């Protein structure tokens, strides 16, 4: 059960979160990824890097209040942090040695769902243009003229 259980937890998370109506679903997931970013803060074993990661995760979660893409990126960042803790730090659950490993398997399931727009699996597919709009805004030069 080392591999299937975390994947099933990720699928259960997606299923339960899909019951929350939009836009509350996106905002709740932004709060969840912010909480995940602070999960190791009180004893993760990586010193000051715990604060740096928490600050980064908080910024990504804030951007996620309006963007499923940022929420997905937040879960992928947390996956990397889980791997770091599994290899060099302390587990996310102190009495469960492989808990960070399990979290590193669960988080990408959630991230893929978020990167797909966080839609209910049983609902009709919808197109998400978040990445396209992010590319457009990144390519636009800063405008100093006001529209009148």
N, C-alpha and C. Protein backbone atom coordinates (compact mmCIF):
# COMPACT_ATOMS: atom_id res chain seq x y z
N UNK A 1 0.81 -1.21 0.00
CA UNK A 1 0.00 0.00 0.00
C UNK A 1 0.85 1.27 0.00
N UNK A 2 2.16 1.13 -0.07
CA UNK A 2 3.04 2.29 -0.04
C UNK A 2 2.78 3.22 -1.23
N UNK A 3 2.46 2.66 -2.39
CA UNK A 3 2.25 3.48 -3.59
C UNK A 3 0.78 3.79 -3.87
N UNK A 4 -0.11 2.79 -3.80
CA UNK A 4 -1.51 3.11 -4.17
C UNK A 4 -2.23 4.00 -3.17
N UNK A 5 -1.94 3.88 -1.88
CA UNK A 5 -2.69 4.65 -0.88
C UNK A 5 -2.55 6.16 -1.09
N UNK A 6 -1.33 6.70 -1.28
CA UNK A 6 -1.23 8.15 -1.51
C UNK A 6 -1.93 8.60 -2.79
N UNK A 7 -1.87 7.76 -3.81
CA UNK A 7 -2.56 8.11 -5.06
C UNK A 7 -4.07 8.14 -4.85
N UNK A 8 -4.57 7.20 -4.05
CA UNK A 8 -6.01 7.18 -3.74
C UNK A 8 -6.40 8.38 -2.89
N UNK A 9 -5.52 8.79 -1.99
CA UNK A 9 -5.80 9.99 -1.19
C UNK A 9 -5.90 11.21 -2.10
N UNK A 10 -5.02 11.30 -3.09
CA UNK A 10 -5.09 12.40 -4.05
C UNK A 10 -6.40 12.40 -4.83
N UNK A 11 -6.82 11.22 -5.25
CA UNK A 11 -8.10 11.10 -5.97
C UNK A 11 -9.28 11.43 -5.06
N UNK A 12 -9.20 11.03 -3.81
CA UNK A 12 -10.26 11.36 -2.86
C UNK A 12 -10.33 12.88 -2.64
N UNK A 13 -9.18 13.51 -2.53
CA UNK A 13 -9.12 14.97 -2.38
C UNK A 13 -9.80 15.64 -3.58
N UNK A 14 -9.46 15.20 -4.78
CA UNK A 14 -10.04 15.77 -6.00
C UNK A 14 -11.56 15.57 -6.00
N UNK A 15 -12.00 14.40 -5.62
CA UNK A 15 -13.44 14.10 -5.61
C UNK A 15 -14.17 14.99 -4.61
N UNK A 16 -13.65 15.08 -3.39
CA UNK A 16 -14.32 15.89 -2.38
C UNK A 16 -14.29 17.38 -2.72
N UNK A 17 -13.17 17.86 -3.23
CA UNK A 17 -13.08 19.27 -3.60
C UNK A 17 -13.99 19.59 -4.79
N UNK A 18 -14.25 18.61 -5.62
CA UNK A 18 -15.12 18.83 -6.78
C UNK A 18 -16.56 19.09 -6.35
N UNK A 19 -16.91 18.74 -5.13
CA UNK A 19 -18.25 18.99 -4.61
C UNK A 19 -18.45 20.45 -4.23
N UNK A 20 -17.37 21.17 -4.04
CA UNK A 20 -17.45 22.60 -3.67
C UNK A 20 -17.69 23.40 -4.94
N UNK A 21 -18.70 24.25 -4.94
CA UNK A 21 -18.99 25.03 -6.16
C UNK A 21 -17.93 26.10 -6.42
N UNK A 22 -17.77 26.43 -7.71
CA UNK A 22 -16.88 27.53 -8.09
C UNK A 22 -17.55 28.84 -7.75
N UNK A 23 -16.87 29.91 -7.46
CA UNK A 23 -15.43 30.11 -7.39
C UNK A 23 -14.85 29.72 -6.03
N UNK A 24 -15.71 29.24 -5.13
CA UNK A 24 -15.24 28.86 -3.79
C UNK A 24 -14.22 27.72 -3.87
N UNK A 25 -14.39 26.83 -4.83
CA UNK A 25 -13.47 25.70 -4.98
C UNK A 25 -12.04 26.19 -5.23
N UNK A 26 -11.87 27.13 -6.11
CA UNK A 26 -10.54 27.64 -6.41
C UNK A 26 -9.93 28.33 -5.19
N UNK A 27 -10.72 29.15 -4.54
CA UNK A 27 -10.20 29.89 -3.39
C UNK A 27 -9.86 28.95 -2.23
N UNK A 28 -10.70 27.95 -2.00
CA UNK A 28 -10.42 26.97 -0.95
C UNK A 28 -9.14 26.20 -1.26
N UNK A 29 -8.94 25.86 -2.52
CA UNK A 29 -7.71 25.16 -2.90
C UNK A 29 -6.48 26.05 -2.75
N UNK A 30 -6.62 27.33 -2.96
CA UNK A 30 -5.50 28.25 -2.73
C UNK A 30 -5.14 28.26 -1.24
N UNK A 31 -6.15 28.25 -0.39
CA UNK A 31 -5.90 28.20 1.05
C UNK A 31 -5.24 26.87 1.43
N UNK A 32 -5.68 25.79 0.82
CA UNK A 32 -5.11 24.47 1.11
C UNK A 32 -3.63 24.40 0.71
N UNK A 33 -3.29 24.94 -0.44
CA UNK A 33 -1.89 24.90 -0.88
C UNK A 33 -1.04 25.82 -0.01
N UNK A 34 -1.61 26.88 0.51
CA UNK A 34 -0.88 27.74 1.45
C UNK A 34 -0.60 26.98 2.74
N UNK A 35 -1.59 26.25 3.23
CA UNK A 35 -1.40 25.44 4.43
C UNK A 35 -0.36 24.35 4.22
N UNK A 36 -0.39 23.73 3.05
CA UNK A 36 0.60 22.70 2.74
C UNK A 36 2.00 23.30 2.72
N UNK A 37 2.11 24.53 2.28
CA UNK A 37 3.41 25.19 2.23
C UNK A 37 4.00 25.43 3.60
N UNK A 38 3.17 25.48 4.62
CA UNK A 38 3.65 25.72 5.98
C UNK A 38 3.67 24.43 6.81
N UNK A 39 3.40 23.29 6.20
CA UNK A 39 3.26 22.04 6.95
C UNK A 39 4.53 21.63 7.68
N UNK A 40 5.68 21.92 7.13
CA UNK A 40 6.94 21.50 7.75
C UNK A 40 7.55 22.57 8.65
N UNK A 41 6.90 23.69 8.78
CA UNK A 41 7.49 24.85 9.43
C UNK A 41 7.93 24.60 10.87
N UNK A 42 7.22 23.79 11.60
CA UNK A 42 7.55 23.63 13.02
C UNK A 42 8.48 22.45 13.31
N UNK A 43 9.23 22.01 12.34
CA UNK A 43 10.18 20.94 12.64
C UNK A 43 10.55 20.10 11.44
N UNK A 44 10.62 20.70 10.29
CA UNK A 44 10.93 19.95 9.08
C UNK A 44 12.39 19.57 8.95
N UNK A 45 13.26 20.21 9.71
CA UNK A 45 14.65 19.82 9.73
C UNK A 45 15.53 20.47 8.67
N UNK A 46 15.01 21.43 7.91
CA UNK A 46 15.84 22.08 6.90
C UNK A 46 16.16 23.53 7.25
N UNK A 47 16.06 23.85 8.52
CA UNK A 47 16.48 25.16 9.01
C UNK A 47 15.74 26.33 8.41
N UNK A 48 16.51 27.38 8.08
CA UNK A 48 15.93 28.60 7.53
C UNK A 48 15.25 28.42 6.19
N UNK A 49 15.59 27.35 5.49
CA UNK A 49 14.94 27.09 4.20
C UNK A 49 13.45 26.84 4.39
N UNK A 50 13.04 26.40 5.58
CA UNK A 50 11.61 26.19 5.85
C UNK A 50 10.85 27.52 5.73
N UNK A 51 11.46 28.60 6.23
CA UNK A 51 10.83 29.93 6.15
C UNK A 51 10.79 30.43 4.71
N UNK A 52 11.87 30.20 4.00
CA UNK A 52 11.92 30.64 2.60
C UNK A 52 10.86 29.91 1.78
N UNK A 53 10.74 28.61 1.98
CA UNK A 53 9.73 27.87 1.23
C UNK A 53 8.32 28.32 1.60
N UNK A 54 8.09 28.55 2.89
CA UNK A 54 6.77 29.00 3.33
C UNK A 54 6.42 30.35 2.69
N UNK A 55 7.39 31.24 2.60
CA UNK A 55 7.14 32.54 1.96
C UNK A 55 6.82 32.37 0.48
N UNK A 56 7.56 31.51 -0.20
CA UNK A 56 7.29 31.24 -1.62
C UNK A 56 5.91 30.62 -1.79
N UNK A 57 5.59 29.63 -0.97
CA UNK A 57 4.28 28.96 -1.07
C UNK A 57 3.14 29.93 -0.78
N UNK A 58 3.36 30.85 0.14
CA UNK A 58 2.33 31.84 0.45
C UNK A 58 2.08 32.76 -0.74
N UNK A 59 3.14 33.20 -1.40
CA UNK A 59 3.00 34.05 -2.58
C UNK A 59 2.28 33.30 -3.70
N UNK A 60 2.67 32.04 -3.94
CA UNK A 60 2.03 31.25 -4.99
C UNK A 60 0.55 31.03 -4.65
N UNK A 61 0.26 30.76 -3.40
CA UNK A 61 -1.14 30.56 -2.99
C UNK A 61 -1.95 31.83 -3.17
N UNK A 62 -1.35 32.97 -2.85
CA UNK A 62 -2.05 34.25 -3.05
C UNK A 62 -2.40 34.43 -4.53
N UNK A 63 -1.44 34.16 -5.41
CA UNK A 63 -1.71 34.24 -6.84
C UNK A 63 -2.78 33.22 -7.25
N UNK A 64 -2.82 32.11 -6.52
CA UNK A 64 -3.79 31.06 -6.79
C UNK A 64 -5.23 31.43 -6.46
N UNK A 65 -5.42 32.48 -5.69
CA UNK A 65 -6.79 32.91 -5.41
C UNK A 65 -7.54 33.22 -6.70
N UNK A 66 -6.81 33.59 -7.75
CA UNK A 66 -7.43 33.92 -9.03
C UNK A 66 -6.96 33.01 -10.17
N UNK A 67 -6.18 31.97 -9.86
CA UNK A 67 -5.60 31.18 -10.94
C UNK A 67 -5.39 29.73 -10.54
N UNK A 68 -6.05 28.83 -11.23
CA UNK A 68 -5.83 27.41 -11.02
C UNK A 68 -4.40 27.02 -11.35
N UNK A 69 -3.81 27.69 -12.32
CA UNK A 69 -2.43 27.37 -12.71
C UNK A 69 -1.47 27.57 -11.55
N UNK A 70 -1.62 28.66 -10.81
CA UNK A 70 -0.74 28.90 -9.67
C UNK A 70 -0.98 27.87 -8.57
N UNK A 71 -2.21 27.45 -8.38
CA UNK A 71 -2.48 26.42 -7.37
C UNK A 71 -1.77 25.12 -7.77
N UNK A 72 -1.86 24.76 -9.04
CA UNK A 72 -1.17 23.56 -9.52
C UNK A 72 0.33 23.67 -9.32
N UNK A 73 0.90 24.83 -9.62
CA UNK A 73 2.34 25.05 -9.42
C UNK A 73 2.67 24.92 -7.93
N UNK A 74 1.79 25.43 -7.08
CA UNK A 74 2.01 25.32 -5.63
C UNK A 74 2.09 23.87 -5.18
N UNK A 75 1.21 23.02 -5.71
CA UNK A 75 1.25 21.60 -5.35
C UNK A 75 2.51 20.93 -5.90
N UNK A 76 2.96 21.35 -7.06
CA UNK A 76 4.20 20.78 -7.60
C UNK A 76 5.41 21.23 -6.77
N UNK A 77 5.42 22.48 -6.33
CA UNK A 77 6.48 22.95 -5.45
C UNK A 77 6.47 22.15 -4.14
N UNK A 78 5.29 21.88 -3.62
CA UNK A 78 5.20 21.10 -2.39
C UNK A 78 5.69 19.67 -2.61
N UNK A 79 5.48 19.14 -3.80
CA UNK A 79 6.00 17.81 -4.11
C UNK A 79 7.52 17.80 -4.00
N UNK A 80 8.17 18.81 -4.56
CA UNK A 80 9.63 18.91 -4.48
C UNK A 80 10.06 19.02 -3.02
N UNK A 81 9.33 19.80 -2.25
CA UNK A 81 9.65 19.98 -0.84
C UNK A 81 9.48 18.66 -0.07
N UNK A 82 8.45 17.89 -0.42
CA UNK A 82 8.25 16.57 0.19
C UNK A 82 9.44 15.65 -0.09
N UNK A 83 9.91 15.65 -1.32
CA UNK A 83 11.06 14.81 -1.68
C UNK A 83 12.29 15.24 -0.89
N UNK A 84 12.51 16.54 -0.77
CA UNK A 84 13.65 17.04 0.01
C UNK A 84 13.57 16.56 1.46
N UNK A 85 12.37 16.59 2.02
CA UNK A 85 12.21 16.15 3.41
C UNK A 85 12.34 14.63 3.53
N UNK A 86 11.89 13.92 2.53
CA UNK A 86 12.03 12.46 2.58
C UNK A 86 13.51 12.07 2.53
N UNK A 87 14.29 12.79 1.74
CA UNK A 87 15.70 12.45 1.58
C UNK A 87 16.60 13.03 2.68
N UNK A 88 16.35 14.28 3.10
CA UNK A 88 17.28 14.96 4.01
C UNK A 88 16.65 15.51 5.28
N UNK A 89 15.37 15.71 5.29
CA UNK A 89 14.73 16.37 6.44
C UNK A 89 13.96 15.39 7.31
N UNK A 90 12.92 15.91 7.93
CA UNK A 90 12.06 15.12 8.80
C UNK A 90 10.74 14.87 8.08
N UNK A 91 10.08 13.75 8.37
CA UNK A 91 8.80 13.46 7.70
C UNK A 91 7.71 14.44 8.12
N UNK A 92 6.71 14.58 7.27
CA UNK A 92 5.62 15.51 7.54
C UNK A 92 4.80 15.06 8.75
N UNK A 93 4.67 13.75 8.94
CA UNK A 93 4.04 13.18 10.14
C UNK A 93 5.17 12.52 10.93
N UNK A 94 5.50 13.06 12.09
CA UNK A 94 6.70 12.62 12.80
C UNK A 94 6.79 11.11 13.07
N UNK A 95 5.66 10.46 13.32
CA UNK A 95 5.70 9.03 13.65
C UNK A 95 5.53 8.13 12.44
N UNK A 96 5.41 8.69 11.25
CA UNK A 96 5.27 7.90 10.02
C UNK A 96 6.44 8.22 9.10
N UNK A 97 7.45 7.36 9.12
CA UNK A 97 8.71 7.61 8.42
C UNK A 97 8.52 7.95 6.94
N UNK A 98 7.64 7.28 6.24
CA UNK A 98 7.46 7.49 4.79
C UNK A 98 6.35 8.47 4.45
N UNK A 99 5.90 9.28 5.42
CA UNK A 99 4.78 10.18 5.15
C UNK A 99 5.12 11.25 4.12
N UNK A 100 6.35 11.75 4.10
CA UNK A 100 6.72 12.74 3.08
C UNK A 100 6.78 12.09 1.71
N UNK A 101 7.22 10.85 1.65
CA UNK A 101 7.22 10.11 0.39
C UNK A 101 5.79 9.96 -0.13
N UNK A 102 4.87 9.60 0.76
CA UNK A 102 3.47 9.46 0.37
C UNK A 102 2.89 10.78 -0.09
N UNK A 103 3.25 11.85 0.59
CA UNK A 103 2.76 13.17 0.20
C UNK A 103 3.31 13.55 -1.17
N UNK A 104 4.55 13.14 -1.46
CA UNK A 104 5.15 13.43 -2.76
C UNK A 104 4.46 12.66 -3.88
N UNK A 105 3.77 11.57 -3.56
CA UNK A 105 2.98 10.84 -4.56
C UNK A 105 1.58 11.42 -4.70
N UNK A 106 1.03 11.91 -3.62
CA UNK A 106 -0.33 12.44 -3.59
C UNK A 106 -0.42 13.81 -4.27
N UNK A 107 0.54 14.67 -3.98
CA UNK A 107 0.47 16.05 -4.45
C UNK A 107 0.42 16.22 -5.97
N UNK A 108 1.17 15.43 -6.75
CA UNK A 108 1.07 15.60 -8.21
C UNK A 108 -0.32 15.25 -8.77
N UNK A 109 -1.02 14.35 -8.10
CA UNK A 109 -2.40 14.03 -8.53
C UNK A 109 -3.26 15.29 -8.41
N UNK A 110 -3.13 15.95 -7.28
CA UNK A 110 -3.88 17.19 -7.05
C UNK A 110 -3.41 18.28 -8.02
N UNK A 111 -2.10 18.36 -8.23
CA UNK A 111 -1.55 19.38 -9.13
C UNK A 111 -2.07 19.21 -10.55
N UNK A 112 -2.11 18.00 -11.04
CA UNK A 112 -2.63 17.76 -12.40
C UNK A 112 -4.08 18.20 -12.52
N UNK A 113 -4.86 17.91 -11.50
CA UNK A 113 -6.27 18.33 -11.50
C UNK A 113 -6.36 19.86 -11.52
N UNK A 114 -5.54 20.51 -10.72
CA UNK A 114 -5.55 21.98 -10.68
C UNK A 114 -5.08 22.58 -12.00
N UNK A 115 -4.01 22.01 -12.55
CA UNK A 115 -3.51 22.51 -13.83
C UNK A 115 -4.51 22.30 -14.96
N UNK A 116 -5.41 21.36 -14.78
CA UNK A 116 -6.48 21.13 -15.75
C UNK A 116 -7.68 22.05 -15.52
N UNK A 117 -7.60 22.94 -14.58
CA UNK A 117 -8.68 23.90 -14.35
C UNK A 117 -9.55 23.57 -13.15
N UNK A 118 -9.23 22.50 -12.41
CA UNK A 118 -9.97 22.18 -11.20
C UNK A 118 -11.44 21.86 -11.41
N UNK A 119 -11.76 21.32 -12.55
CA UNK A 119 -13.17 21.02 -12.83
C UNK A 119 -13.58 19.70 -12.20
N UNK A 120 -14.86 19.53 -11.97
CA UNK A 120 -15.39 18.28 -11.44
C UNK A 120 -15.18 17.18 -12.47
N UNK A 121 -14.63 16.03 -12.08
CA UNK A 121 -14.37 14.96 -13.05
C UNK A 121 -15.63 14.48 -13.77
N UNK A 122 -16.78 14.59 -13.13
CA UNK A 122 -18.02 14.12 -13.74
C UNK A 122 -18.72 15.22 -14.53
N UNK A 123 -18.20 16.42 -14.51
CA UNK A 123 -18.82 17.53 -15.22
C UNK A 123 -18.35 17.59 -16.66
N UNK A 124 -19.00 18.45 -17.44
CA UNK A 124 -18.57 18.61 -18.83
C UNK A 124 -17.19 19.25 -18.90
N UNK A 125 -16.39 18.85 -19.88
CA UNK A 125 -15.07 19.48 -19.99
C UNK A 125 -15.22 20.96 -20.32
N UNK A 126 -14.35 21.75 -19.76
CA UNK A 126 -14.36 23.17 -20.08
C UNK A 126 -12.94 23.59 -20.40
N UNK A 127 -12.87 24.57 -21.21
CA UNK A 127 -11.57 25.05 -21.65
C UNK A 127 -11.04 26.07 -20.64
N UNK A 128 -9.79 25.92 -20.29
CA UNK A 128 -9.17 26.88 -19.40
C UNK A 128 -8.10 27.63 -20.17
N UNK A 129 -8.15 28.94 -20.14
CA UNK A 129 -7.22 29.77 -20.89
C UNK A 129 -6.21 30.45 -19.98
N UNK A 130 -6.04 29.93 -18.77
CA UNK A 130 -5.15 30.60 -17.82
C UNK A 130 -3.72 30.69 -18.33
N UNK A 131 -3.21 29.61 -18.90
CA UNK A 131 -1.83 29.62 -19.35
C UNK A 131 -1.67 30.55 -20.55
N UNK A 132 -2.62 30.53 -21.46
CA UNK A 132 -2.55 31.40 -22.62
C UNK A 132 -2.56 32.86 -22.19
N UNK A 133 -3.45 33.21 -21.26
CA UNK A 133 -3.53 34.58 -20.79
C UNK A 133 -2.26 34.97 -20.03
N UNK A 134 -1.70 34.05 -19.27
CA UNK A 134 -0.46 34.34 -18.55
C UNK A 134 0.68 34.62 -19.53
N UNK A 135 0.74 33.87 -20.61
CA UNK A 135 1.78 34.11 -21.63
C UNK A 135 1.57 35.46 -22.29
N UNK A 136 0.33 35.78 -22.59
CA UNK A 136 0.04 37.07 -23.23
C UNK A 136 0.44 38.22 -22.34
N UNK A 137 0.08 38.14 -21.05
CA UNK A 137 0.40 39.25 -20.16
C UNK A 137 1.90 39.34 -19.92
N UNK A 138 2.61 38.22 -19.97
CA UNK A 138 4.06 38.25 -19.80
C UNK A 138 4.74 38.88 -21.01
N UNK A 139 4.14 38.74 -22.17
CA UNK A 139 4.73 39.27 -23.39
C UNK A 139 4.38 40.73 -23.64
N UNK A 140 3.32 41.21 -22.99
CA UNK A 140 2.91 42.60 -23.17
C UNK A 140 3.88 43.54 -22.46
N UNK A 141 4.32 44.56 -23.13
CA UNK A 141 5.17 45.54 -22.44
C UNK A 141 4.32 46.34 -21.47
N UNK A 142 4.96 46.84 -20.44
CA UNK A 142 4.24 47.66 -19.46
C UNK A 142 3.81 48.96 -20.16
N UNK A 143 2.58 49.26 -20.01
CA UNK A 143 2.04 50.46 -20.64
C UNK A 143 2.03 51.61 -19.63
N UNK A 144 2.57 52.72 -20.02
CA UNK A 144 2.56 53.90 -19.14
C UNK A 144 1.51 54.89 -19.56
N UNK A 145 0.83 54.63 -20.67
CA UNK A 145 -0.22 55.53 -21.11
C UNK A 145 -1.54 55.04 -20.57
N UNK A 146 -2.39 55.97 -20.24
CA UNK A 146 -3.71 55.60 -19.72
C UNK A 146 -4.70 55.62 -20.87
N UNK A 147 -5.68 54.75 -20.75
CA UNK A 147 -6.73 54.71 -21.77
C UNK A 147 -7.79 55.74 -21.41
N UNK A 148 -8.15 56.53 -22.39
CA UNK A 148 -9.18 57.54 -22.15
C UNK A 148 -10.27 57.42 -23.16
